């Protein structure tokens, strides 16, 4: 199995678009001034115009929002952790909005690696586990695979890791 799809299977970016195949590995961290919202239980639970995008080869961007962008009581720490070879050890949150709970739908890096130090107190959200995530008015499509937290918008083209047949990418 090839480590990534052949060039003929990669979508060519149009004007104003970027290809996830042009993102670096190790990933890059980019400040974003796009308007970002997270909706759960019909309520906007996070909103900001200052976030970070993690850009990694074969993945759509993962958005990290400042913890202060989340409404009070929305982030409930939960057990468990995971390890990212680039960012360090992640801690998880349940997202809570009224009676709606999205288990382990958000994560943070309490002590990220030096390369990702700006992510201290930043929180990422799995778009497939909330009502919707919105970037500059566009509803995000979740990255396939259940494990990945990428946010697919019309700004980025793939194919993306996580979709069927992409295990070896």
N, C-alpha and C. Protein backbone atom coordinates (compact mmCIF):
# COMPACT_ATOMS: atom_id res chain seq x y z
N UNK A 1 0.84 -1.18 0.00
CA UNK A 1 0.00 0.00 0.00
C UNK A 1 0.89 1.24 0.00
N UNK A 2 0.54 2.20 -0.86
CA UNK A 2 1.29 3.45 -0.96
C UNK A 2 1.13 4.26 0.32
N UNK A 3 2.17 5.02 0.72
CA UNK A 3 2.05 5.84 1.92
C UNK A 3 1.06 6.99 1.76
N UNK A 4 0.63 7.29 0.54
CA UNK A 4 -0.37 8.33 0.30
C UNK A 4 -0.97 8.12 -1.09
N UNK A 5 -2.08 8.80 -1.37
CA UNK A 5 -2.74 8.57 -2.65
C UNK A 5 -1.88 9.05 -3.81
N UNK A 6 -2.02 8.44 -4.97
CA UNK A 6 -1.25 8.91 -6.12
C UNK A 6 -1.67 10.33 -6.50
N UNK A 7 -0.77 11.09 -7.08
CA UNK A 7 -1.10 12.47 -7.45
C UNK A 7 -2.39 12.58 -8.26
N UNK A 8 -2.71 11.58 -9.07
CA UNK A 8 -3.93 11.64 -9.88
C UNK A 8 -5.21 11.62 -9.05
N UNK A 9 -5.14 11.15 -7.80
CA UNK A 9 -6.30 11.10 -6.91
C UNK A 9 -6.43 12.34 -6.04
N UNK A 10 -5.42 13.19 -6.04
CA UNK A 10 -5.46 14.39 -5.21
C UNK A 10 -6.22 15.50 -5.93
N UNK A 11 -7.09 16.16 -5.19
CA UNK A 11 -7.84 17.27 -5.76
C UNK A 11 -6.91 18.46 -5.96
N UNK A 12 -7.07 19.12 -7.08
CA UNK A 12 -6.26 20.30 -7.37
C UNK A 12 -6.94 21.52 -6.75
N UNK A 13 -6.21 22.29 -5.93
CA UNK A 13 -6.83 23.46 -5.31
C UNK A 13 -7.21 24.51 -6.36
N UNK A 14 -8.37 25.10 -6.17
CA UNK A 14 -8.80 26.22 -7.01
C UNK A 14 -8.40 27.53 -6.36
N UNK A 15 -8.84 28.63 -6.95
CA UNK A 15 -8.52 29.95 -6.36
C UNK A 15 -9.02 30.04 -4.91
N UNK A 16 -8.15 30.49 -4.02
CA UNK A 16 -8.50 30.65 -2.62
C UNK A 16 -8.52 29.36 -1.82
N UNK A 17 -8.14 28.25 -2.45
CA UNK A 17 -8.11 26.96 -1.75
C UNK A 17 -6.68 26.53 -1.48
N UNK A 18 -6.55 25.57 -0.57
CA UNK A 18 -5.26 24.96 -0.27
C UNK A 18 -5.45 23.45 -0.22
N UNK A 19 -4.39 22.72 -0.54
CA UNK A 19 -4.42 21.26 -0.50
C UNK A 19 -3.79 20.77 0.79
N UNK A 20 -4.45 19.79 1.43
CA UNK A 20 -3.86 19.22 2.65
C UNK A 20 -2.55 18.50 2.32
N UNK A 21 -2.31 18.22 1.04
CA UNK A 21 -1.06 17.55 0.64
C UNK A 21 0.10 18.52 0.55
N UNK A 22 -0.19 19.82 0.68
CA UNK A 22 0.87 20.83 0.75
C UNK A 22 1.20 21.20 2.19
N UNK A 23 0.42 20.70 3.15
CA UNK A 23 0.72 20.94 4.56
C UNK A 23 1.96 20.14 4.95
N UNK A 24 2.73 20.64 5.91
CA UNK A 24 3.99 19.97 6.28
C UNK A 24 3.80 18.82 7.28
N UNK A 25 4.85 18.05 7.41
CA UNK A 25 4.97 17.03 8.45
C UNK A 25 6.41 17.12 8.93
N UNK A 26 6.68 17.46 10.19
CA UNK A 26 5.72 17.70 11.26
C UNK A 26 4.79 18.87 10.95
N UNK A 27 3.63 18.89 11.61
CA UNK A 27 2.62 19.90 11.32
C UNK A 27 3.06 21.32 11.63
N UNK A 28 2.37 22.26 10.99
CA UNK A 28 2.57 23.69 11.24
C UNK A 28 1.44 24.20 12.12
N UNK A 29 1.72 25.28 12.82
CA UNK A 29 0.72 25.96 13.64
C UNK A 29 0.54 27.35 13.08
N UNK A 30 -0.72 27.72 12.78
CA UNK A 30 -1.01 28.99 12.13
C UNK A 30 -2.10 29.72 12.90
N UNK A 31 -1.88 30.99 13.18
CA UNK A 31 -2.91 31.81 13.81
C UNK A 31 -3.99 32.10 12.78
N UNK A 32 -5.24 32.05 13.21
CA UNK A 32 -6.38 32.32 12.33
C UNK A 32 -7.23 33.44 12.93
N UNK A 33 -7.71 34.33 12.06
CA UNK A 33 -8.63 35.38 12.48
C UNK A 33 -10.03 35.12 11.92
N UNK A 34 -10.27 33.92 11.44
CA UNK A 34 -11.60 33.55 10.95
C UNK A 34 -12.57 33.53 12.12
N UNK A 35 -13.83 33.78 11.83
CA UNK A 35 -14.88 33.65 12.83
C UNK A 35 -15.18 32.16 13.01
N UNK A 36 -15.08 31.68 14.25
CA UNK A 36 -15.29 30.26 14.53
C UNK A 36 -16.33 30.12 15.62
N UNK A 37 -17.30 29.22 15.38
CA UNK A 37 -18.34 28.94 16.38
C UNK A 37 -18.52 27.44 16.53
N UNK A 38 -18.87 27.04 17.75
CA UNK A 38 -19.23 25.66 18.06
C UNK A 38 -20.63 25.68 18.65
N UNK A 39 -21.52 24.83 18.09
CA UNK A 39 -22.90 24.79 18.55
C UNK A 39 -23.20 23.40 19.10
N UNK A 40 -23.76 23.35 20.29
CA UNK A 40 -24.16 22.10 20.94
C UNK A 40 -25.50 22.32 21.64
N UNK A 41 -26.42 21.39 21.45
CA UNK A 41 -27.73 21.53 22.07
C UNK A 41 -28.47 22.76 21.59
N UNK A 42 -28.19 23.18 20.34
CA UNK A 42 -28.84 24.35 19.77
C UNK A 42 -28.32 25.68 20.26
N UNK A 43 -27.24 25.66 21.04
CA UNK A 43 -26.68 26.87 21.65
C UNK A 43 -25.23 27.04 21.20
N UNK A 44 -24.84 28.29 20.90
CA UNK A 44 -23.43 28.57 20.60
C UNK A 44 -22.68 28.46 21.93
N UNK A 45 -21.80 27.44 22.03
CA UNK A 45 -21.07 27.21 23.28
C UNK A 45 -19.64 27.75 23.22
N UNK A 46 -19.19 28.12 22.01
CA UNK A 46 -17.86 28.73 21.87
C UNK A 46 -17.89 29.62 20.64
N UNK A 47 -17.21 30.76 20.75
CA UNK A 47 -17.17 31.71 19.65
C UNK A 47 -15.90 32.54 19.77
N UNK A 48 -15.20 32.73 18.64
CA UNK A 48 -13.97 33.50 18.67
C UNK A 48 -13.61 33.97 17.26
N UNK A 49 -12.78 35.00 17.19
CA UNK A 49 -12.16 35.41 15.93
C UNK A 49 -10.64 35.30 16.04
N UNK A 50 -10.19 34.55 17.05
CA UNK A 50 -8.75 34.29 17.19
C UNK A 50 -8.59 32.85 17.61
N UNK A 51 -8.05 32.07 16.70
CA UNK A 51 -7.84 30.64 16.97
C UNK A 51 -6.54 30.23 16.30
N UNK A 52 -6.26 28.95 16.37
CA UNK A 52 -5.08 28.39 15.71
C UNK A 52 -5.51 27.23 14.85
N UNK A 53 -4.86 27.07 13.72
CA UNK A 53 -5.07 25.91 12.85
C UNK A 53 -3.80 25.07 12.90
N UNK A 54 -3.96 23.78 13.16
CA UNK A 54 -2.85 22.84 13.03
C UNK A 54 -2.97 22.24 11.64
N UNK A 55 -1.91 22.38 10.85
CA UNK A 55 -1.90 21.95 9.46
C UNK A 55 -0.92 20.80 9.29
N UNK A 56 -1.44 19.62 9.00
CA UNK A 56 -0.61 18.41 8.88
C UNK A 56 -0.93 17.70 7.57
N UNK A 57 0.12 17.25 6.90
CA UNK A 57 -0.04 16.52 5.65
C UNK A 57 -1.15 15.49 5.75
N UNK A 58 -2.03 15.48 4.78
CA UNK A 58 -3.13 14.53 4.58
C UNK A 58 -4.34 14.78 5.47
N UNK A 59 -4.32 15.81 6.31
CA UNK A 59 -5.43 16.10 7.22
C UNK A 59 -6.01 17.49 6.92
N UNK A 60 -7.33 17.64 7.04
CA UNK A 60 -7.86 19.01 7.05
C UNK A 60 -7.42 19.69 8.34
N UNK A 61 -7.44 21.01 8.38
CA UNK A 61 -7.00 21.71 9.59
C UNK A 61 -7.81 21.30 10.82
N UNK A 62 -7.13 21.28 11.96
CA UNK A 62 -7.79 21.15 13.25
C UNK A 62 -7.72 22.52 13.90
N UNK A 63 -8.88 23.03 14.30
CA UNK A 63 -8.95 24.35 14.92
C UNK A 63 -8.86 24.22 16.43
N UNK A 64 -8.07 25.09 17.04
CA UNK A 64 -7.93 25.19 18.50
C UNK A 64 -8.40 26.58 18.89
N UNK A 65 -9.36 26.63 19.81
CA UNK A 65 -9.94 27.88 20.27
C UNK A 65 -9.41 28.20 21.66
N UNK A 66 -9.25 29.49 21.98
CA UNK A 66 -8.86 29.83 23.35
C UNK A 66 -9.91 29.31 24.34
N UNK A 67 -9.47 28.84 25.46
CA UNK A 67 -10.40 28.34 26.48
C UNK A 67 -11.44 29.42 26.82
N UNK A 68 -11.03 30.68 26.80
CA UNK A 68 -11.94 31.78 27.11
C UNK A 68 -13.05 31.94 26.07
N UNK A 69 -12.93 31.31 24.91
CA UNK A 69 -13.98 31.38 23.88
C UNK A 69 -15.19 30.53 24.24
N UNK A 70 -15.04 29.62 25.21
CA UNK A 70 -16.10 28.71 25.60
C UNK A 70 -16.95 29.32 26.72
N UNK A 71 -18.24 29.13 26.63
CA UNK A 71 -19.15 29.62 27.67
C UNK A 71 -18.84 28.92 28.99
N UNK A 72 -19.15 29.58 30.08
CA UNK A 72 -18.92 29.01 31.41
C UNK A 72 -19.67 27.68 31.56
N UNK A 73 -18.99 26.68 32.10
CA UNK A 73 -19.59 25.39 32.38
C UNK A 73 -19.66 24.43 31.22
N UNK A 74 -19.24 24.84 30.03
CA UNK A 74 -19.31 23.99 28.84
C UNK A 74 -18.24 22.90 28.87
N UNK A 75 -17.05 23.22 29.34
CA UNK A 75 -15.93 22.27 29.36
C UNK A 75 -15.90 21.52 30.69
N UNK A 76 -16.14 20.23 30.65
CA UNK A 76 -16.09 19.41 31.87
C UNK A 76 -14.95 18.41 31.73
N UNK A 77 -13.87 18.57 32.50
CA UNK A 77 -12.74 17.63 32.40
C UNK A 77 -13.22 16.19 32.58
N UNK A 78 -12.63 15.29 31.82
CA UNK A 78 -12.97 13.88 31.91
C UNK A 78 -11.68 13.06 31.95
N UNK A 79 -11.80 11.80 32.29
CA UNK A 79 -10.62 10.95 32.44
C UNK A 79 -10.06 10.56 31.08
N UNK A 80 -8.81 10.12 31.14
CA UNK A 80 -8.15 9.62 29.94
C UNK A 80 -7.24 10.65 29.31
N UNK A 81 -6.35 10.15 28.51
CA UNK A 81 -5.41 11.00 27.79
C UNK A 81 -4.98 10.27 26.53
N UNK A 82 -4.29 10.97 25.68
CA UNK A 82 -3.68 10.36 24.50
C UNK A 82 -2.38 11.11 24.24
N UNK A 83 -1.55 10.53 23.40
CA UNK A 83 -0.24 11.12 23.13
C UNK A 83 -0.11 11.45 21.65
N UNK A 84 0.31 12.65 21.35
CA UNK A 84 0.61 13.07 19.99
C UNK A 84 2.12 13.23 19.89
N UNK A 85 2.69 12.61 18.90
CA UNK A 85 4.15 12.69 18.74
C UNK A 85 4.63 14.12 18.52
N UNK A 86 3.76 15.01 18.07
CA UNK A 86 4.16 16.39 17.78
C UNK A 86 3.79 17.35 18.90
N UNK A 87 2.61 17.17 19.50
CA UNK A 87 2.10 18.16 20.45
C UNK A 87 2.24 17.76 21.91
N UNK A 88 2.37 16.48 22.19
CA UNK A 88 2.52 16.03 23.57
C UNK A 88 1.29 15.28 24.06
N UNK A 89 1.06 15.32 25.38
CA UNK A 89 -0.04 14.56 25.98
C UNK A 89 -1.30 15.41 26.04
N UNK A 90 -2.39 14.85 25.52
CA UNK A 90 -3.68 15.54 25.49
C UNK A 90 -4.53 15.13 26.69
N UNK A 91 -5.30 16.08 27.19
CA UNK A 91 -6.32 15.84 28.21
C UNK A 91 -7.67 16.14 27.55
N UNK A 92 -8.73 15.47 28.02
CA UNK A 92 -10.03 15.55 27.36
C UNK A 92 -11.10 16.22 28.19
N UNK A 93 -12.11 16.72 27.48
CA UNK A 93 -13.29 17.33 28.08
C UNK A 93 -14.54 16.72 27.48
N UNK A 94 -15.58 16.59 28.30
CA UNK A 94 -16.93 16.44 27.79
C UNK A 94 -17.40 17.86 27.52
N UNK A 95 -18.20 18.04 26.49
CA UNK A 95 -18.83 19.33 26.24
C UNK A 95 -20.27 19.23 26.75
N UNK A 96 -20.71 20.24 27.50
CA UNK A 96 -22.02 20.20 28.13
C UNK A 96 -22.79 21.47 27.76
N UNK A 97 -24.02 21.27 27.29
CA UNK A 97 -24.91 22.39 26.97
C UNK A 97 -26.31 22.00 27.43
N UNK A 98 -26.73 22.54 28.57
CA UNK A 98 -28.01 22.15 29.14
C UNK A 98 -27.98 20.67 29.47
N UNK A 99 -28.93 19.90 28.93
CA UNK A 99 -29.00 18.46 29.16
C UNK A 99 -28.19 17.66 28.14
N UNK A 100 -27.58 18.32 27.18
CA UNK A 100 -26.84 17.65 26.12
C UNK A 100 -25.37 17.53 26.53
N UNK A 101 -24.85 16.30 26.44
CA UNK A 101 -23.45 16.04 26.76
C UNK A 101 -22.80 15.35 25.56
N UNK A 102 -21.70 15.90 25.10
CA UNK A 102 -20.90 15.28 24.04
C UNK A 102 -19.64 14.73 24.71
N UNK A 103 -19.61 13.40 24.98
CA UNK A 103 -18.48 12.82 25.73
C UNK A 103 -17.15 12.91 24.97
N UNK A 104 -16.14 13.35 25.69
CA UNK A 104 -14.77 13.42 25.15
C UNK A 104 -14.72 14.08 23.77
N UNK A 105 -15.52 15.12 23.61
CA UNK A 105 -15.62 15.79 22.32
C UNK A 105 -14.59 16.91 22.15
N UNK A 106 -13.81 17.19 23.18
CA UNK A 106 -12.83 18.27 23.11
C UNK A 106 -11.57 17.85 23.85
N UNK A 107 -10.47 18.46 23.47
CA UNK A 107 -9.19 18.14 24.11
C UNK A 107 -8.28 19.35 24.12
N UNK A 108 -7.27 19.26 24.97
CA UNK A 108 -6.29 20.32 25.12
C UNK A 108 -4.93 19.68 25.41
N UNK A 109 -3.89 20.47 25.27
CA UNK A 109 -2.52 20.04 25.62
C UNK A 109 -2.06 20.91 26.78
N UNK A 110 -2.20 20.44 28.03
CA UNK A 110 -1.82 21.26 29.19
C UNK A 110 -0.36 21.69 29.18
N UNK A 111 0.52 20.83 28.68
CA UNK A 111 1.95 21.15 28.59
C UNK A 111 2.46 20.71 27.22
N UNK A 112 2.09 21.47 26.18
CA UNK A 112 2.48 21.08 24.83
C UNK A 112 4.00 21.18 24.62
N UNK A 113 4.45 20.53 23.57
CA UNK A 113 5.86 20.64 23.20
C UNK A 113 6.18 22.09 22.84
N UNK A 114 7.45 22.42 22.81
CA UNK A 114 7.87 23.80 22.53
C UNK A 114 7.33 24.30 21.19
N UNK A 115 7.31 23.45 20.19
CA UNK A 115 6.83 23.83 18.86
C UNK A 115 5.36 24.28 18.90
N UNK A 116 4.58 23.73 19.84
CA UNK A 116 3.15 24.03 19.93
C UNK A 116 2.79 24.75 21.24
N UNK A 117 3.75 25.48 21.79
CA UNK A 117 3.56 26.18 23.07
C UNK A 117 2.36 27.13 23.04
N UNK A 118 2.03 27.69 21.88
CA UNK A 118 0.90 28.61 21.79
C UNK A 118 -0.43 27.94 22.09
N UNK A 119 -0.47 26.60 22.06
CA UNK A 119 -1.73 25.88 22.32
C UNK A 119 -2.05 25.70 23.80
N UNK A 120 -1.18 26.20 24.70
CA UNK A 120 -1.52 26.17 26.12
C UNK A 120 -2.84 26.93 26.30
N UNK A 121 -3.77 26.33 27.00
CA UNK A 121 -5.10 26.91 27.22
C UNK A 121 -5.95 27.02 25.96
N UNK A 122 -5.61 26.27 24.93
CA UNK A 122 -6.43 26.19 23.71
C UNK A 122 -7.13 24.84 23.69
N UNK A 123 -8.33 24.82 23.12
CA UNK A 123 -9.15 23.61 23.13
C UNK A 123 -9.62 23.31 21.71
N UNK A 124 -9.46 22.06 21.29
CA UNK A 124 -9.96 21.60 19.99
C UNK A 124 -11.26 20.82 20.21
N UNK A 125 -12.10 20.81 19.18
CA UNK A 125 -13.41 20.15 19.26
C UNK A 125 -13.57 19.20 18.08
N UNK A 126 -14.13 18.03 18.35
CA UNK A 126 -14.48 17.07 17.29
C UNK A 126 -15.77 17.56 16.63
N UNK A 127 -15.71 18.04 15.40
CA UNK A 127 -16.92 18.60 14.80
C UNK A 127 -18.04 17.57 14.62
N UNK A 128 -17.71 16.30 14.52
CA UNK A 128 -18.74 15.28 14.36
C UNK A 128 -19.49 14.95 15.63
N UNK A 129 -19.07 15.51 16.77
CA UNK A 129 -19.72 15.20 18.05
C UNK A 129 -20.56 16.35 18.59
N UNK A 130 -20.65 17.43 17.83
CA UNK A 130 -21.47 18.57 18.24
C UNK A 130 -22.51 18.82 17.14
N UNK A 131 -23.45 19.73 17.41
CA UNK A 131 -24.46 20.05 16.39
C UNK A 131 -23.77 20.53 15.11
N UNK A 132 -22.86 21.48 15.31
CA UNK A 132 -22.11 21.97 14.15
C UNK A 132 -20.97 22.87 14.61
N UNK A 133 -19.95 22.93 13.76
CA UNK A 133 -18.87 23.91 13.88
C UNK A 133 -18.96 24.76 12.63
N UNK A 134 -18.68 26.05 12.78
CA UNK A 134 -18.85 26.99 11.69
C UNK A 134 -17.59 27.85 11.59
N UNK A 135 -17.08 28.00 10.37
CA UNK A 135 -15.92 28.86 10.11
C UNK A 135 -16.33 29.90 9.08
N UNK A 136 -16.24 31.16 9.46
CA UNK A 136 -16.63 32.28 8.58
C UNK A 136 -17.99 32.02 7.91
N UNK A 137 -18.95 31.52 8.68
CA UNK A 137 -20.30 31.31 8.19
C UNK A 137 -20.53 29.99 7.48
N UNK A 138 -19.48 29.22 7.25
CA UNK A 138 -19.60 27.93 6.56
C UNK A 138 -19.62 26.79 7.57
N UNK A 139 -20.63 25.92 7.47
CA UNK A 139 -20.72 24.76 8.35
C UNK A 139 -19.64 23.77 7.94
N UNK A 140 -18.90 23.30 8.93
CA UNK A 140 -17.77 22.40 8.74
C UNK A 140 -18.26 20.96 8.54
N UNK A 141 -17.57 20.23 7.68
CA UNK A 141 -17.79 18.79 7.55
C UNK A 141 -16.73 18.10 8.39
N UNK A 142 -17.12 17.16 9.25
CA UNK A 142 -16.12 16.47 10.09
C UNK A 142 -15.22 15.56 9.26
N UNK A 143 -13.98 15.46 9.67
CA UNK A 143 -13.05 14.51 9.06
C UNK A 143 -13.50 13.10 9.41
N UNK A 144 -13.46 12.20 8.43
CA UNK A 144 -13.82 10.80 8.67
C UNK A 144 -12.85 10.14 9.63
N UNK A 145 -13.26 9.05 10.21
CA UNK A 145 -12.36 8.20 10.98
C UNK A 145 -12.62 8.16 12.46
N UNK A 146 -13.39 9.08 13.01
CA UNK A 146 -13.71 9.03 14.43
C UNK A 146 -12.60 9.47 15.36
N UNK A 147 -11.35 9.27 14.98
CA UNK A 147 -10.22 9.63 15.84
C UNK A 147 -9.71 11.03 15.51
N UNK A 148 -9.89 11.44 14.26
CA UNK A 148 -9.30 12.69 13.80
C UNK A 148 -10.25 13.86 14.02
N UNK A 149 -9.70 15.03 14.29
CA UNK A 149 -10.51 16.20 14.61
C UNK A 149 -10.46 17.28 13.56
N UNK A 150 -10.19 16.92 12.29
CA UNK A 150 -10.09 17.92 11.24
C UNK A 150 -11.42 18.55 10.88
N UNK A 151 -11.35 19.80 10.46
CA UNK A 151 -12.52 20.59 10.06
C UNK A 151 -12.43 20.82 8.55
N UNK A 152 -13.33 20.23 7.79
CA UNK A 152 -13.31 20.35 6.33
C UNK A 152 -14.23 21.50 5.92
N UNK A 153 -13.65 22.47 5.23
CA UNK A 153 -14.40 23.58 4.63
C UNK A 153 -14.06 23.63 3.15
N UNK A 154 -14.72 24.51 2.42
CA UNK A 154 -14.45 24.65 0.99
C UNK A 154 -13.06 25.23 0.74
N UNK A 155 -12.41 25.70 1.77
CA UNK A 155 -11.07 26.28 1.64
C UNK A 155 -9.99 25.23 1.40
N UNK A 156 -10.23 23.97 1.81
CA UNK A 156 -9.19 22.94 1.73
C UNK A 156 -9.69 21.73 0.94
N UNK A 157 -8.78 21.16 0.13
CA UNK A 157 -9.12 19.98 -0.67
C UNK A 157 -8.23 18.81 -0.26
N UNK A 158 -8.69 17.59 -0.53
CA UNK A 158 -8.01 16.35 -0.13
C UNK A 158 -7.58 15.53 -1.32
N UNK A 159 -7.71 14.23 -1.19
CA UNK A 159 -8.46 13.47 -0.18
C UNK A 159 -7.79 13.54 1.19
N UNK A 160 -8.61 13.24 2.21
CA UNK A 160 -8.16 13.38 3.59
C UNK A 160 -7.98 12.03 4.26
N UNK A 161 -6.97 11.93 5.09
CA UNK A 161 -6.78 10.73 5.90
C UNK A 161 -8.01 10.53 6.77
N UNK A 162 -8.38 9.27 6.97
CA UNK A 162 -9.56 8.93 7.75
C UNK A 162 -10.65 8.33 6.89
N UNK A 163 -10.65 8.69 5.60
CA UNK A 163 -11.66 8.14 4.70
C UNK A 163 -11.30 6.68 4.38
N UNK A 164 -12.28 5.89 3.92
CA UNK A 164 -12.00 4.49 3.60
C UNK A 164 -10.81 4.37 2.63
N UNK A 165 -9.91 3.43 2.94
CA UNK A 165 -8.73 3.21 2.10
C UNK A 165 -7.52 4.07 2.45
N UNK A 166 -7.64 4.91 3.49
CA UNK A 166 -6.54 5.83 3.80
C UNK A 166 -5.69 5.39 4.97
N UNK A 167 -5.91 4.19 5.49
CA UNK A 167 -5.21 3.74 6.69
C UNK A 167 -3.69 3.90 6.59
N UNK A 168 -3.09 3.58 5.47
CA UNK A 168 -1.62 3.63 5.34
C UNK A 168 -1.04 4.98 5.01
N UNK A 169 -1.87 6.02 4.91
CA UNK A 169 -1.34 7.33 4.55
C UNK A 169 -0.55 7.93 5.68
